[in-house]
Amino acid sequence: MTVTPYLFFKGDCADALTTYARIFGSPAPELMTAGSMPGADQLPPGSADKIMHGTVHVGATKVYASDDFDGTTPPMAGSSVMADLPTAAAARAVFDALAEGGEVQMPFEATFWSAGFGSLTDRFGIRWMVGADEPPAQD
């Protein structure tokens, strides 16, 4: 069994998944536009270039996504995407890249459970928690 996050965007899904692929060093995302699906002629005007389904690989995990066609999906609440990286340096680099243009809720710093952890909402409205598997320094 696999549990896969499915994210919804307000028209910038392709930009978001391309950005995530760059940040995580992943291959280019797989993107299917609404205009390429059966029945595309029945979509509202301006929908053809929206992403009907996209996939980006992040490590061994897939993240699925699409554009919110009718604009009714509420912003993320009560959930975040968690990214665990092997070292604090790697985690900080990902955190800093995701934070560009976004809003930091908890700055990236050492904690009692990890050499580094932080949380943010990226410029696309996606909530992230980024941590290091590296243990905290011992006093």
Protein backbone atom coordinates (compact mmCIF):
# COMPACT_ATOMS: atom_id res chain seq x y z
CA MET A 1 0.00 0.00 0.00
CA THR A 2 1.11 3.53 -0.73
CA VAL A 3 -0.27 6.81 0.60
CA THR A 4 0.33 9.69 -1.80
CA PRO A 5 -0.32 13.39 -1.16
CA TYR A 6 -2.60 15.03 -3.74
CA LEU A 7 -2.26 18.79 -3.87
CA PHE A 8 -4.58 21.34 -5.50
CA PHE A 9 -3.43 24.63 -6.97
CA LYS A 10 -5.13 27.79 -8.14
CA GLY A 11 -3.91 27.67 -11.74
CA ASP A 12 -0.18 27.38 -11.06
CA CYS A 13 0.18 23.60 -10.72
CA ALA A 14 2.68 23.28 -13.59
CA ASP A 15 4.87 26.02 -12.09
CA ALA A 16 4.65 24.46 -8.61
CA LEU A 17 5.56 20.92 -9.70
CA THR A 18 8.39 22.21 -11.89
CA THR A 19 9.67 24.21 -8.90
CA TYR A 20 9.46 21.17 -6.61
CA ALA A 21 11.35 19.04 -9.17
CA ARG A 22 14.13 21.66 -9.21
CA ILE A 23 14.25 21.99 -5.40
CA PHE A 24 14.33 18.24 -4.77
CA GLY A 25 16.60 17.39 -7.73
CA SER A 26 13.88 15.30 -9.37
CA PRO A 27 13.12 14.62 -13.02
CA ALA A 28 10.72 17.01 -14.74
CA PRO A 29 7.12 16.45 -13.60
CA GLU A 30 4.61 14.54 -15.67
CA LEU A 31 1.81 16.97 -16.59
CA MET A 32 -1.50 16.24 -18.31
CA THR A 33 -3.54 19.25 -19.35
CA ALA A 34 -7.31 19.38 -19.26
CA GLY A 35 -7.29 20.08 -22.98
CA SER A 36 -5.76 16.65 -23.63
CA MET A 37 -8.46 14.65 -21.84
CA PRO A 38 -11.62 13.19 -23.39
CA GLY A 39 -14.52 15.65 -23.21
CA ALA A 40 -12.19 18.66 -23.14
CA ASP A 41 -14.59 20.48 -25.47
CA GLN A 42 -17.11 20.58 -22.60
CA LEU A 43 -14.78 22.35 -20.15
CA PRO A 44 -15.29 25.97 -19.18
CA PRO A 45 -13.44 28.49 -21.36
CA GLY A 46 -9.81 28.95 -20.33
CA SER A 47 -9.51 25.44 -18.84
CA ALA A 48 -7.54 23.73 -21.62
CA ASP A 49 -4.11 24.69 -20.25
CA LYS A 50 -4.91 23.86 -16.62
CA ILE A 51 -3.34 20.72 -15.20
CA MET A 52 -5.83 17.89 -14.95
CA HIS A 53 -3.25 15.62 -13.31
CA GLY A 54 0.44 15.97 -12.52
CA THR A 55 3.07 13.86 -10.82
CA VAL A 56 6.43 14.84 -9.40
CA HIS A 57 8.80 12.32 -7.85
CA VAL A 58 10.37 13.42 -4.57
CA GLY A 59 12.84 10.80 -3.50
CA ALA A 60 10.97 7.48 -3.37
CA THR A 61 7.62 9.28 -3.07
CA LYS A 62 5.24 10.57 -5.70
CA VAL A 63 3.31 13.77 -5.17
CA TYR A 64 0.16 14.12 -7.27
CA ALA A 65 -1.45 17.43 -8.07
CA SER A 66 -3.89 19.32 -10.26
CA ASP A 67 -5.32 22.76 -10.77
CA ASP A 68 -8.59 23.51 -8.98
CA PHE A 69 -10.89 24.00 -11.97
CA ASP A 70 -13.76 25.71 -10.18
CA GLY A 71 -11.77 27.53 -7.49
CA THR A 72 -13.68 26.02 -4.57
CA THR A 73 -10.92 24.00 -2.91
CA PRO A 74 -10.17 25.60 0.47
CA PRO A 75 -6.54 26.35 1.35
CA MET A 76 -4.63 23.62 3.16
CA ALA A 77 -5.67 23.46 6.79
CA GLY A 78 -4.77 20.85 9.34
CA SER A 79 -2.18 19.18 7.13
CA SER A 80 1.29 19.68 5.73
CA VAL A 81 3.63 17.86 3.41
CA MET A 82 6.58 16.52 5.44
CA ALA A 83 10.00 16.28 3.82
CA ASP A 84 12.69 14.34 5.73
CA LEU A 85 16.23 14.78 4.48
CA PRO A 86 19.34 12.97 5.69
CA THR A 87 21.27 15.98 7.01
CA ALA A 88 20.53 19.39 8.46
CA ALA A 89 22.44 21.01 5.59
CA ALA A 90 20.30 19.27 2.96
CA ALA A 91 17.12 20.03 4.89
CA ARG A 92 18.03 23.71 5.28
CA ALA A 93 18.69 24.02 1.53
CA VAL A 94 15.24 22.58 0.75
CA PHE A 95 13.59 24.69 3.46
CA ASP A 96 15.19 27.89 2.18
CA ALA A 97 14.19 27.14 -1.42
CA LEU A 98 10.58 26.35 -0.47
CA ALA A 99 10.42 29.48 1.69
CA GLU A 100 11.29 31.82 -1.22
CA GLY A 101 8.21 33.99 -1.71
CA GLY A 102 6.35 32.06 1.00
CA GLU A 103 5.71 32.50 4.70
CA VAL A 104 7.76 30.83 7.44
CA GLN A 105 5.78 29.63 10.46
CA MET A 106 8.72 28.07 12.34
CA PRO A 107 12.24 29.07 11.29
CA PHE A 108 14.58 26.22 10.44
CA GLU A 109 16.67 25.45 13.52
CA ALA A 110 17.98 22.65 15.68
CA THR A 111 15.38 21.06 17.96
CA PHE A 112 15.48 18.50 20.73
CA TRP A 113 14.54 15.77 18.20
CA SER A 114 16.51 16.81 15.10
CA ALA A 115 19.59 18.70 13.92
CA GLY A 116 17.14 20.88 11.97
CA PHE A 117 13.43 21.39 11.48
CA GLY A 118 11.13 24.18 10.26
CA SER A 119 7.67 24.78 8.83
CA LEU A 120 6.39 27.13 6.15
CA THR A 121 3.73 27.83 3.56
CA ASP A 122 5.31 28.12 0.11
CA ARG A 123 4.40 30.72 -2.51
CA PHE A 124 1.85 28.30 -3.98
CA GLY A 125 -0.06 28.00 -0.68
CA ILE A 126 1.25 24.52 0.19
CA ARG A 127 2.20 23.91 3.82
CA TRP A 128 5.51 22.13 4.39
CA MET A 129 7.41 20.74 7.34
CA VAL A 130 11.08 20.12 6.56
CA GLY A 131 13.30 18.14 8.87
CA ALA A 132 16.62 16.35 9.09
CA ASP A 133 17.02 12.71 10.01
CA GLU A 134 20.33 13.78 11.54
CA PRO A 135 20.08 13.68 15.33
CA PRO A 136 20.52 16.86 17.37
CA ALA A 137 23.95 17.75 18.70
CA GLN A 138 24.61 16.36 22.16
CA ASP A 139 25.58 18.87 24.84
